């Protein structure tokens, strides 16, 4: 089934009968890896290299024309047909429906969960990522600090939104862990673990976010993808 996908020629599957994951352990990559671990769906991970520009290779572009990780191929997709899928939010939704886990079945709770997933995709991911660029990576040496200030302020605003939500919710959707949490914790973790912004953002002042992140980090799926 995988022979029809050019990517399988560059990254051959050891077990072509299970989900194939093409990824890097960035926050977006960790989201899908953690989801797969949490659901228990069998999968095989293929690690790409940004330094070798694997995401721009013809084989990867044939799978994802947007040249971003992660991407998956499920040889047993809907109606038994192989499904190639990219965009981490779309993948989380698909895996939730395939496994029957981490997405409420009730219509109100379902759409509210998707709402928070979209909030992460449209707000937290892009804004935290830009903050990280100007705080730690290529933009850190720029003399003009207005861009850093802009994204730092927006990151702080988004953290306040999340902190308020978690002030009376154990997880984003209440007592139950969901794709909303899975989409968010890798980005919140990156603020201190990747962007070295614990002091800059005064992360310890977001008490509810800190408590929630600790809960997420204790889960077996999180431990599995973060353990070397």
C-alpha atoms as a PDB file:
ATOM      1  CA  UNK A   1       0.000   0.000   0.000  1.00  0.00           C
ATOM      2  CA  UNK A   2       2.838   2.411   0.732  1.00  0.00           C
ATOM      3  CA  UNK A   3       4.547   1.838  -2.614  1.00  0.00           C
ATOM      4  CA  UNK A   4       2.356   4.490  -4.229  1.00  0.00           C
ATOM      5  CA  UNK A   5       3.889   7.165  -1.974  1.00  0.00           C
ATOM      6  CA  UNK A   6       7.344   8.396  -3.116  1.00  0.00           C
ATOM      7  CA  UNK A   7       8.323   9.128   0.476  1.00  0.00           C
ATOM      8  CA  UNK A   8       8.426   5.394   1.186  1.00  0.00           C
ATOM      9  CA  UNK A   9      11.330   5.087  -1.223  1.00  0.00           C
ATOM     10  CA  UNK A  10      13.478   7.509   0.758  1.00  0.00           C
ATOM     11  CA  UNK A  11      12.286   6.391   4.182  1.00  0.00           C
ATOM     12  CA  UNK A  12      11.329   2.721   3.748  1.00  0.00           C
ATOM     13  CA  UNK A  13       8.877   1.267   6.228  1.00  0.00           C
ATOM     14  CA  UNK A  14       9.980  -1.613   8.411  1.00  0.00           C
ATOM     15  CA  UNK A  15       6.325  -2.431   8.979  1.00  0.00           C
ATOM     16  CA  UNK A  16       4.216  -1.028   6.113  1.00  0.00           C
ATOM     17  CA  UNK A  17       1.012  -2.223   7.799  1.00  0.00           C
ATOM     18  CA  UNK A  18       1.071   0.474  10.514  1.00  0.00           C
ATOM     19  CA  UNK A  19       0.899   4.257  10.618  1.00  0.00           C
ATOM     20  CA  UNK A  20       4.021   5.950   9.267  1.00  0.00           C
ATOM     21  CA  UNK A  21       5.046   9.195  10.980  1.00  0.00           C
ATOM     22  CA  UNK A  22       7.487  11.629   9.363  1.00  0.00           C
ATOM     23  CA  UNK A  23       8.549  14.169  11.923  1.00  0.00           C
ATOM     24  CA  UNK A  24      11.063  16.089  14.020  1.00  0.00           C
ATOM     25  CA  UNK A  25      10.765  16.642  17.778  1.00  0.00           C
ATOM     26  CA  UNK A  26       9.665  20.256  17.558  1.00  0.00           C
ATOM     27  CA  UNK A  27       6.496  21.255  19.442  1.00  0.00           C
ATOM     28  CA  UNK A  28       4.350  20.441  16.403  1.00  0.00           C
ATOM     29  CA  UNK A  29       6.123  17.124  15.947  1.00  0.00           C
ATOM     30  CA  UNK A  30       5.802  16.205  19.609  1.00  0.00           C
ATOM     31  CA  UNK A  31       2.044  16.759  19.476  1.00  0.00           C
ATOM     32  CA  UNK A  32       1.503  13.900  17.045  1.00  0.00           C
ATOM     33  CA  UNK A  33       4.077  11.587  18.624  1.00  0.00           C
ATOM     34  CA  UNK A  34       2.454  12.067  22.037  1.00  0.00           C
ATOM     35  CA  UNK A  35      -1.005  11.463  20.583  1.00  0.00           C
ATOM     36  CA  UNK A  36       0.109   8.215  18.988  1.00  0.00           C
ATOM     37  CA  UNK A  37       1.670   7.084  22.253  1.00  0.00           C
ATOM     38  CA  UNK A  38      -1.456   7.998  24.224  1.00  0.00           C
ATOM     39  CA  UNK A  39      -3.823   6.177  21.873  1.00  0.00           C
ATOM     40  CA  UNK A  40      -1.656   3.077  21.599  1.00  0.00           C
ATOM     41  CA  UNK A  41      -2.063   3.043  17.822  1.00  0.00           C
ATOM     42  CA  UNK A  42       0.888   1.181  16.288  1.00  0.00           C
ATOM     43  CA  UNK A  43       3.190   3.510  14.383  1.00  0.00           C
ATOM     44  CA  UNK A  44       6.649   3.800  12.933  1.00  0.00           C
ATOM     45  CA  UNK A  45       8.560   7.058  13.198  1.00  0.00           C
ATOM     46  CA  UNK A  46      10.882   8.391  10.523  1.00  0.00           C
ATOM     47  CA  UNK A  47      13.030  11.259  11.804  1.00  0.00           C
ATOM     48  CA  UNK A  48      13.730  14.000   9.290  1.00  0.00           C
ATOM     49  CA  UNK A  49      16.701  16.331   9.445  1.00  0.00           C
ATOM     50  CA  UNK A  50      16.256  20.061   9.086  1.00  0.00           C
ATOM     51  CA  UNK A  51      20.007  20.496   8.692  1.00  0.00           C
ATOM     52  CA  UNK A  52      19.819  18.277   5.593  1.00  0.00           C
ATOM     53  CA  UNK A  53      16.655  20.064   4.395  1.00  0.00           C
ATOM     54  CA  UNK A  54      14.728  16.789   4.305  1.00  0.00           C
ATOM     55  CA  UNK A  55      11.470  18.734   4.466  1.00  0.00           C
ATOM     56  CA  UNK A  56      12.308  20.240   1.055  1.00  0.00           C
ATOM     57  CA  UNK A  57      13.129  16.939  -0.613  1.00  0.00           C
ATOM     58  CA  UNK A  58      10.980  15.864  -3.576  1.00  0.00           C
ATOM     59  CA  UNK A  59       9.868  12.780  -1.661  1.00  0.00           C
ATOM     60  CA  UNK A  60       8.602  14.742   1.325  1.00  0.00           C
ATOM     61  CA  UNK A  61       7.019  17.427  -0.840  1.00  0.00           C
ATOM     62  CA  UNK A  62       5.087  14.705  -2.643  1.00  0.00           C
ATOM     63  CA  UNK A  63       3.483  13.959   0.732  1.00  0.00           C
ATOM     64  CA  UNK A  64       3.236  17.513   2.044  1.00  0.00           C
ATOM     65  CA  UNK A  65       3.520  20.335  -0.504  1.00  0.00           C
ATOM     66  CA  UNK A  66       3.716  22.794   2.394  1.00  0.00           C
ATOM     67  CA  UNK A  67       7.118  21.318   3.402  1.00  0.00           C
ATOM     68  CA  UNK A  68       6.300  21.250   7.127  1.00  0.00           C
ATOM     69  CA  UNK A  69       6.413  18.431   9.647  1.00  0.00           C
ATOM     70  CA  UNK A  70       4.692  16.353  10.851  1.00  0.00           C
ATOM     71  CA  UNK A  71       2.960  14.213   8.265  1.00  0.00           C
ATOM     72  CA  UNK A  72       1.558  10.701   8.417  1.00  0.00           C
ATOM     73  CA  UNK A  73       0.434   7.908   6.171  1.00  0.00           C
ATOM     74  CA  UNK A  74      -2.157   5.526   7.551  1.00  0.00           C
ATOM     75  CA  UNK A  75      -2.234   2.416   5.337  1.00  0.00           C
ATOM     76  CA  UNK A  76      -5.648   1.610   6.832  1.00  0.00           C
ATOM     77  CA  UNK A  77      -7.418   4.927   6.504  1.00  0.00           C
ATOM     78  CA  UNK A  78     -11.120   5.615   6.010  1.00  0.00           C
ATOM     79  CA  UNK A  79     -12.910   2.948   3.970  1.00  0.00           C
ATOM     80  CA  UNK A  80      -9.758   0.832   4.205  1.00  0.00           C
ATOM     81  CA  UNK A  81      -7.854   3.099   1.827  1.00  0.00           C
ATOM     82  CA  UNK A  82      -4.433   4.616   2.626  1.00  0.00           C
ATOM     83  CA  UNK A  83      -4.610   8.174   3.931  1.00  0.00           C
ATOM     84  CA  UNK A  84      -1.789  10.706   3.733  1.00  0.00           C
ATOM     85  CA  UNK A  85      -2.292  13.626   6.078  1.00  0.00           C
ATOM     86  CA  UNK A  86      -0.404  16.737   7.135  1.00  0.00           C
ATOM     87  CA  UNK A  87      -1.024  19.664   9.493  1.00  0.00           C
ATOM     88  CA  UNK A  88      -0.692  18.614  13.120  1.00  0.00           C
ATOM     89  CA  UNK A  89      -4.165  19.771  14.118  1.00  0.00           C
ATOM     90  CA  UNK A  90      -5.791  17.773  11.342  1.00  0.00           C
ATOM     91  CA  UNK A  91      -3.722  14.745  12.323  1.00  0.00           C
ATOM     92  CA  UNK A  92      -4.782  15.047  15.974  1.00  0.00           C
ATOM     93  CA  UNK A  93      -8.436  15.158  14.950  1.00  0.00           C
ATOM     94  CA  UNK A  94      -8.024  12.161  12.682  1.00  0.00           C
ATOM     95  CA  UNK A  95      -6.223  10.076  15.311  1.00  0.00           C
ATOM     96  CA  UNK A  96      -8.824  11.024  17.924  1.00  0.00           C
ATOM     97  CA  UNK A  97     -11.615   9.817  15.674  1.00  0.00           C
ATOM     98  CA  UNK A  98      -9.731   6.703  14.616  1.00  0.00           C
ATOM     99  CA  UNK A  99      -8.965   5.697  18.204  1.00  0.00           C
ATOM    100  CA  UNK A 100     -12.165   7.003  19.787  1.00  0.00           C
ATOM    101  CA  UNK A 101     -10.103   8.819  22.424  1.00  0.00           C
ATOM    102  CA  UNK A 102      -9.271  12.361  23.570  1.00  0.00           C
ATOM    103  CA  UNK A 103     -12.167  14.039  21.750  1.00  0.00           C
ATOM    104  CA  UNK A 104     -15.543  14.189  23.521  1.00  0.00           C
ATOM    105  CA  UNK A 105     -18.478  12.598  21.765  1.00  0.00           C
ATOM    106  CA  UNK A 106     -21.018  15.117  23.034  1.00  0.00           C
ATOM    107  CA  UNK A 107     -21.569  17.812  20.442  1.00  0.00           C
ATOM    108  CA  UNK A 108     -21.070  20.795  22.745  1.00  0.00           C
ATOM    109  CA  UNK A 109     -17.889  19.471  24.346  1.00  0.00           C
ATOM    110  CA  UNK A 110     -16.598  18.248  20.991  1.00  0.00           C
ATOM    111  CA  UNK A 111     -16.802  21.670  19.368  1.00  0.00           C
ATOM    112  CA  UNK A 112     -15.415  23.370  22.452  1.00  0.00           C
ATOM    113  CA  UNK A 113     -12.408  21.051  22.337  1.00  0.00           C
ATOM    114  CA  UNK A 114     -11.919  21.816  18.650  1.00  0.00           C
ATOM    115  CA  UNK A 115     -12.186  25.510  19.525  1.00  0.00           C
ATOM    116  CA  UNK A 116      -9.202  25.247  21.876  1.00  0.00           C
ATOM    117  CA  UNK A 117      -7.301  23.186  19.302  1.00  0.00           C
ATOM    118  CA  UNK A 118      -7.867  25.955  16.736  1.00  0.00           C
ATOM    119  CA  UNK A 119      -6.746  28.519  19.339  1.00  0.00           C
ATOM    120  CA  UNK A 120      -3.465  26.672  19.644  1.00  0.00           C
ATOM    121  CA  UNK A 121      -3.058  26.341  15.883  1.00  0.00           C
ATOM    122  CA  UNK A 122      -3.905  29.960  15.090  1.00  0.00           C
ATOM    123  CA  UNK A 123      -2.492  31.690  18.141  1.00  0.00           C
ATOM    124  CA  UNK A 124      -0.207  29.837  20.513  1.00  0.00           C
ATOM    125  CA  UNK A 125       1.865  28.005  17.908  1.00  0.00           C
ATOM    126  CA  UNK A 126       2.610  30.941  15.590  1.00  0.00           C
ATOM    127  CA  UNK A 127       3.071  33.502  18.369  1.00  0.00           C
ATOM    128  CA  UNK A 128       5.188  31.333  20.673  1.00  0.00           C
ATOM    129  CA  UNK A 129       7.263  30.285  17.669  1.00  0.00           C
ATOM    130  CA  UNK A 130       7.930  33.883  16.627  1.00  0.00           C
ATOM    131  CA  UNK A 131       8.766  34.780  20.219  1.00  0.00           C
ATOM    132  CA  UNK A 132      11.240  31.906  20.318  1.00  0.00           C
ATOM    133  CA  UNK A 133      12.889  33.114  17.113  1.00  0.00           C
ATOM    134  CA  UNK A 134      13.512  36.591  18.497  1.00  0.00           C
ATOM    135  CA  UNK A 135      14.292  35.389  22.024  1.00  0.00           C
ATOM    136  CA  UNK A 136      16.668  32.500  21.337  1.00  0.00           C
ATOM    137  CA  UNK A 137      17.364  31.933  17.654  1.00  0.00           C
ATOM    138  CA  UNK A 138      18.098  33.987  14.529  1.00  0.00           C
ATOM    139  CA  UNK A 139      16.335  37.153  15.644  1.00  0.00           C
ATOM    140  CA  UNK A 140      18.023  37.312  19.038  1.00  0.00           C
ATOM    141  CA  UNK A 141      20.962  39.312  17.627  1.00  0.00           C
ATOM    142  CA  UNK A 142      18.798  41.965  16.001  1.00  0.00           C
ATOM    143  CA  UNK A 143      19.444  45.386  17.486  1.00  0.00           C
ATOM    144  CA  UNK A 144      15.859  46.485  16.988  1.00  0.00           C
ATOM    145  CA  UNK A 145      13.972  44.765  19.815  1.00  0.00           C
ATOM    146  CA  UNK A 146      10.496  45.894  18.799  1.00  0.00           C
ATOM    147  CA  UNK A 147       9.732  42.537  17.187  1.00  0.00           C
ATOM    148  CA  UNK A 148      10.792  40.673  20.336  1.00  0.00           C
ATOM    149  CA  UNK A 149       8.676  42.973  22.483  1.00  0.00           C
ATOM    150  CA  UNK A 150       5.663  42.467  20.230  1.00  0.00           C
ATOM    151  CA  UNK A 151       5.789  38.682  20.367  1.00  0.00           C
ATOM    152  CA  UNK A 152       6.750  38.601  24.035  1.00  0.00           C
ATOM    153  CA  UNK A 153       3.687  40.678  24.882  1.00  0.00           C
ATOM    154  CA  UNK A 154       1.431  38.458  22.786  1.00  0.00           C
ATOM    155  CA  UNK A 155       2.915  35.310  24.316  1.00  0.00           C
ATOM    156  CA  UNK A 156       2.190  36.717  27.765  1.00  0.00           C
ATOM    157  CA  UNK A 157      -1.366  37.560  26.756  1.00  0.00           C
ATOM    158  CA  UNK A 158      -1.985  34.038  25.485  1.00  0.00           C
ATOM    159  CA  UNK A 159      -0.532  32.558  28.667  1.00  0.00           C
ATOM    160  CA  UNK A 160      -2.990  34.645  30.660  1.00  0.00           C
ATOM    161  CA  UNK A 161      -5.873  33.264  28.599  1.00  0.00           C
ATOM    162  CA  UNK A 162      -4.708  29.714  29.262  1.00  0.00           C
ATOM    163  CA  UNK A 163      -4.045  30.407  32.931  1.00  0.00           C
ATOM    164  CA  UNK A 164      -7.564  31.762  33.373  1.00  0.00           C
ATOM    165  CA  UNK A 165      -9.054  28.725  31.652  1.00  0.00           C
ATOM    166  CA  UNK A 166      -7.091  26.395  33.902  1.00  0.00           C
ATOM    167  CA  UNK A 167      -8.025  28.260  37.059  1.00  0.00           C
ATOM    168  CA  UNK A 168     -11.138  26.085  37.337  1.00  0.00           C
ATOM    169  CA  UNK A 169     -10.236  23.233  34.963  1.00  0.00           C
ATOM    170  CA  UNK A 170      -7.837  20.386  35.738  1.00  0.00           C
ATOM    171  CA  UNK A 171      -7.194  20.021  32.019  1.00  0.00           C
ATOM    172  CA  UNK A 172      -8.327  22.390  29.278  1.00  0.00           C
ATOM    173  CA  UNK A 173     -11.656  20.571  28.984  1.00  0.00           C
ATOM    174  CA  UNK A 174     -12.051  19.720  32.647  1.00  0.00           C
ATOM    175  CA  UNK A 175     -11.248  16.380  34.250  1.00  0.00           C
ATOM    176  CA  UNK A 176     -10.413  14.620  30.989  1.00  0.00           C
ATOM    177  CA  UNK A 177      -7.226  14.938  28.974  1.00  0.00           C
ATOM    178  CA  UNK A 178      -7.922  15.799  25.343  1.00  0.00           C
ATOM    179  CA  UNK A 179      -6.365  16.826  22.051  1.00  0.00           C
ATOM    180  CA  UNK A 180      -6.594  20.407  23.321  1.00  0.00           C
ATOM    181  CA  UNK A 181      -3.998  19.578  25.989  1.00  0.00           C
ATOM    182  CA  UNK A 182      -1.889  17.508  23.613  1.00  0.00           C
ATOM    183  CA  UNK A 183      -1.757  20.386  21.150  1.00  0.00           C
ATOM    184  CA  UNK A 184      -0.733  22.902  23.808  1.00  0.00           C
ATOM    185  CA  UNK A 185       1.731  21.362  26.238  1.00  0.00           C
ATOM    186  CA  UNK A 186       4.661  20.992  23.784  1.00  0.00           C
ATOM    187  CA  UNK A 187       4.477  24.714  23.044  1.00  0.00           C
ATOM    188  CA  UNK A 188       4.215  25.753  26.699  1.00  0.00           C
ATOM    189  CA  UNK A 189       7.078  23.415  27.559  1.00  0.00           C
ATOM    190  CA  UNK A 190       9.197  24.978  24.798  1.00  0.00           C
ATOM    191  CA  UNK A 191       9.069  28.391  26.471  1.00  0.00           C
ATOM    192  CA  UNK A 192      11.421  27.222  29.217  1.00  0.00           C
ATOM    193  CA  UNK A 193      13.041  24.105  27.757  1.00  0.00           C
ATOM    194  CA  UNK A 194      13.800  25.442  24.269  1.00  0.00           C
ATOM    195  CA  UNK A 195      13.508  29.241  24.314  1.00  0.00           C
ATOM    196  CA  UNK A 196      15.125  29.814  27.751  1.00  0.00           C
ATOM    197  CA  UNK A 197      12.360  32.259  28.632  1.00  0.00           C
ATOM    198  CA  UNK A 198      11.413  31.180  32.146  1.00  0.00           C
ATOM    199  CA  UNK A 199      12.622  34.409  33.733  1.00  0.00           C
ATOM    200  CA  UNK A 200      11.776  36.707  30.834  1.00  0.00           C
ATOM    201  CA  UNK A 201       8.143  35.616  30.810  1.00  0.00           C
ATOM    202  CA  UNK A 202       7.936  35.089  34.588  1.00  0.00           C
ATOM    203  CA  UNK A 203       6.471  31.665  33.894  1.00  0.00           C
ATOM    204  CA  UNK A 204       6.206  30.736  37.554  1.00  0.00           C
ATOM    205  CA  UNK A 205       3.594  33.464  37.979  1.00  0.00           C
ATOM    206  CA  UNK A 206       1.194  31.445  35.824  1.00  0.00           C
ATOM    207  CA  UNK A 207       0.394  29.041  38.635  1.00  0.00           C
ATOM    208  CA  UNK A 208      -2.439  27.174  36.951  1.00  0.00           C
ATOM    209  CA  UNK A 209      -0.474  26.724  33.736  1.00  0.00           C
ATOM    210  CA  UNK A 210       2.486  25.382  35.716  1.00  0.00           C
ATOM    211  CA  UNK A 211       0.305  22.885  37.576  1.00  0.00           C
ATOM    212  CA  UNK A 212      -1.351  21.761  34.352  1.00  0.00           C
ATOM    213  CA  UNK A 213       1.955  21.384  32.523  1.00  0.00           C
ATOM    214  CA  UNK A 214       3.287  19.194  35.323  1.00  0.00           C
ATOM    215  CA  UNK A 215       0.204  16.973  35.002  1.00  0.00           C
ATOM    216  CA  UNK A 216       0.724  16.685  31.261  1.00  0.00           C
ATOM    217  CA  UNK A 217       4.411  15.866  31.687  1.00  0.00           C
ATOM    218  CA  UNK A 218       3.587  13.013  34.045  1.00  0.00           C
ATOM    219  CA  UNK A 219       1.522  11.181  31.450  1.00  0.00           C
ATOM    220  CA  UNK A 220       3.026   8.061  29.915  1.00  0.00           C
ATOM    221  CA  UNK A 221       2.650   9.450  26.392  1.00  0.00           C
ATOM    222  CA  UNK A 222       4.621  12.559  27.268  1.00  0.00           C
ATOM    223  CA  UNK A 223       7.325  10.606  29.062  1.00  0.00           C
ATOM    224  CA  UNK A 224       7.632   8.224  26.108  1.00  0.00           C
ATOM    225  CA  UNK A 225       8.278  10.932  23.538  1.00  0.00           C
ATOM    226  CA  UNK A 226      10.603  13.001  25.745  1.00  0.00           C
ATOM    227  CA  UNK A 227      12.783  10.160  27.016  1.00  0.00           C
ATOM    228  CA  UNK A 228      15.989   9.782  24.964  1.00  0.00           C
END
